[in-house]
């Protein structure tokens, strides 16, 4: 975790927030003593797009709709 002085944190808050959104964490210090931590909010870290796409492909390969027509599923959903 990187350390950042309070003045620098105030001056560069927007940049720090961008870095936190990318998963980095900071300890904010005042007169050299840690007073706060700037960390990503739970669930706020965006997953890597490539890994999400790979997970979707893996899911689709394991869960196929063989023998079922999409048109039949759509028509069944319209009944309700």
Protein backbone atom coordinates (compact mmCIF):
# COMPACT_ATOMS: atom_id res chain seq x y z
CA UNK A 1 0.00 0.00 0.00
CA UNK A 2 1.43 3.35 -1.05
CA UNK A 3 1.68 6.28 1.36
CA UNK A 4 0.43 9.74 0.38
CA UNK A 5 0.57 12.92 2.43
CA UNK A 6 -2.71 14.69 3.19
CA UNK A 7 -1.79 17.77 1.11
CA UNK A 8 -0.84 15.62 -1.89
CA UNK A 9 -4.04 13.58 -1.47
CA UNK A 10 -6.11 16.78 -1.46
CA UNK A 11 -4.28 18.17 -4.47
CA UNK A 12 -4.42 14.97 -6.54
CA UNK A 13 -7.65 13.39 -5.26
CA UNK A 14 -9.12 12.81 -8.72
CA UNK A 15 -5.99 10.97 -9.86
CA UNK A 16 -5.89 8.93 -6.65
CA UNK A 17 -9.54 7.93 -7.11
CA UNK A 18 -8.79 6.76 -10.66
CA UNK A 19 -5.97 4.60 -9.31
CA UNK A 20 -8.19 3.24 -6.54
CA UNK A 21 -10.82 2.37 -9.16
CA UNK A 22 -8.11 0.25 -10.81
CA UNK A 23 -7.51 -1.67 -7.57
CA UNK A 24 -4.71 0.29 -5.88
CA UNK A 25 -4.80 1.27 -2.20
CA UNK A 26 -3.27 4.23 -0.37
CA UNK A 27 -2.51 5.18 3.21
CA UNK A 28 -3.03 8.89 3.77
CA UNK A 29 -0.65 10.39 6.29
CA UNK A 30 -0.58 13.65 8.24
CA UNK A 31 2.81 14.75 9.52
CA UNK A 32 4.10 11.29 8.61
CA UNK A 33 1.54 9.40 10.68
CA UNK A 34 -1.13 7.24 9.02
CA UNK A 35 -4.62 8.69 9.50
CA UNK A 36 -6.75 7.06 6.77
CA UNK A 37 -6.81 4.44 4.07
CA UNK A 38 -8.12 4.97 0.57
CA UNK A 39 -9.19 1.56 -0.73
CA UNK A 40 -11.60 0.31 -3.41
CA UNK A 41 -15.18 -0.10 -2.26
CA UNK A 42 -16.33 -3.73 -2.02
CA UNK A 43 -17.38 -4.91 -5.46
CA UNK A 44 -16.15 -1.73 -7.11
CA UNK A 45 -13.15 -3.24 -8.84
CA UNK A 46 -14.06 -3.88 -12.44
CA UNK A 47 -13.11 -7.36 -13.55
CA UNK A 48 -10.72 -7.85 -16.41
CA UNK A 49 -12.86 -7.89 -19.56
CA UNK A 50 -10.89 -10.71 -21.16
CA UNK A 51 -11.32 -12.97 -18.12
CA UNK A 52 -15.06 -12.27 -18.02
CA UNK A 53 -15.39 -13.15 -21.70
CA UNK A 54 -13.46 -16.39 -21.08
CA UNK A 55 -15.78 -17.24 -18.17
CA UNK A 56 -18.84 -16.65 -20.36
CA UNK A 57 -17.46 -18.92 -23.08
CA UNK A 58 -16.68 -21.60 -20.50
CA UNK A 59 -20.19 -21.35 -19.06
CA UNK A 60 -21.78 -21.57 -22.51
CA UNK A 61 -19.73 -24.64 -23.41
CA UNK A 62 -20.92 -26.43 -20.25
CA UNK A 63 -24.58 -25.35 -20.49
CA UNK A 64 -25.89 -25.95 -23.98
CA UNK A 65 -29.48 -25.95 -25.19
CA UNK A 66 -29.15 -28.93 -27.49
CA UNK A 67 -32.52 -30.18 -28.70
CA UNK A 68 -34.31 -27.00 -27.63
CA UNK A 69 -35.22 -24.33 -30.16
CA UNK A 70 -34.92 -20.71 -29.08
CA UNK A 71 -38.20 -19.99 -30.87
CA UNK A 72 -39.97 -22.54 -28.63
CA UNK A 73 -38.52 -20.94 -25.49
CA UNK A 74 -39.67 -17.49 -26.62
CA UNK A 75 -43.17 -18.75 -27.38
CA UNK A 76 -43.35 -20.51 -24.02
CA UNK A 77 -42.41 -17.28 -22.27
CA UNK A 78 -45.18 -15.41 -24.06
CA UNK A 79 -47.84 -17.67 -22.57
CA UNK A 80 -47.53 -16.02 -19.18
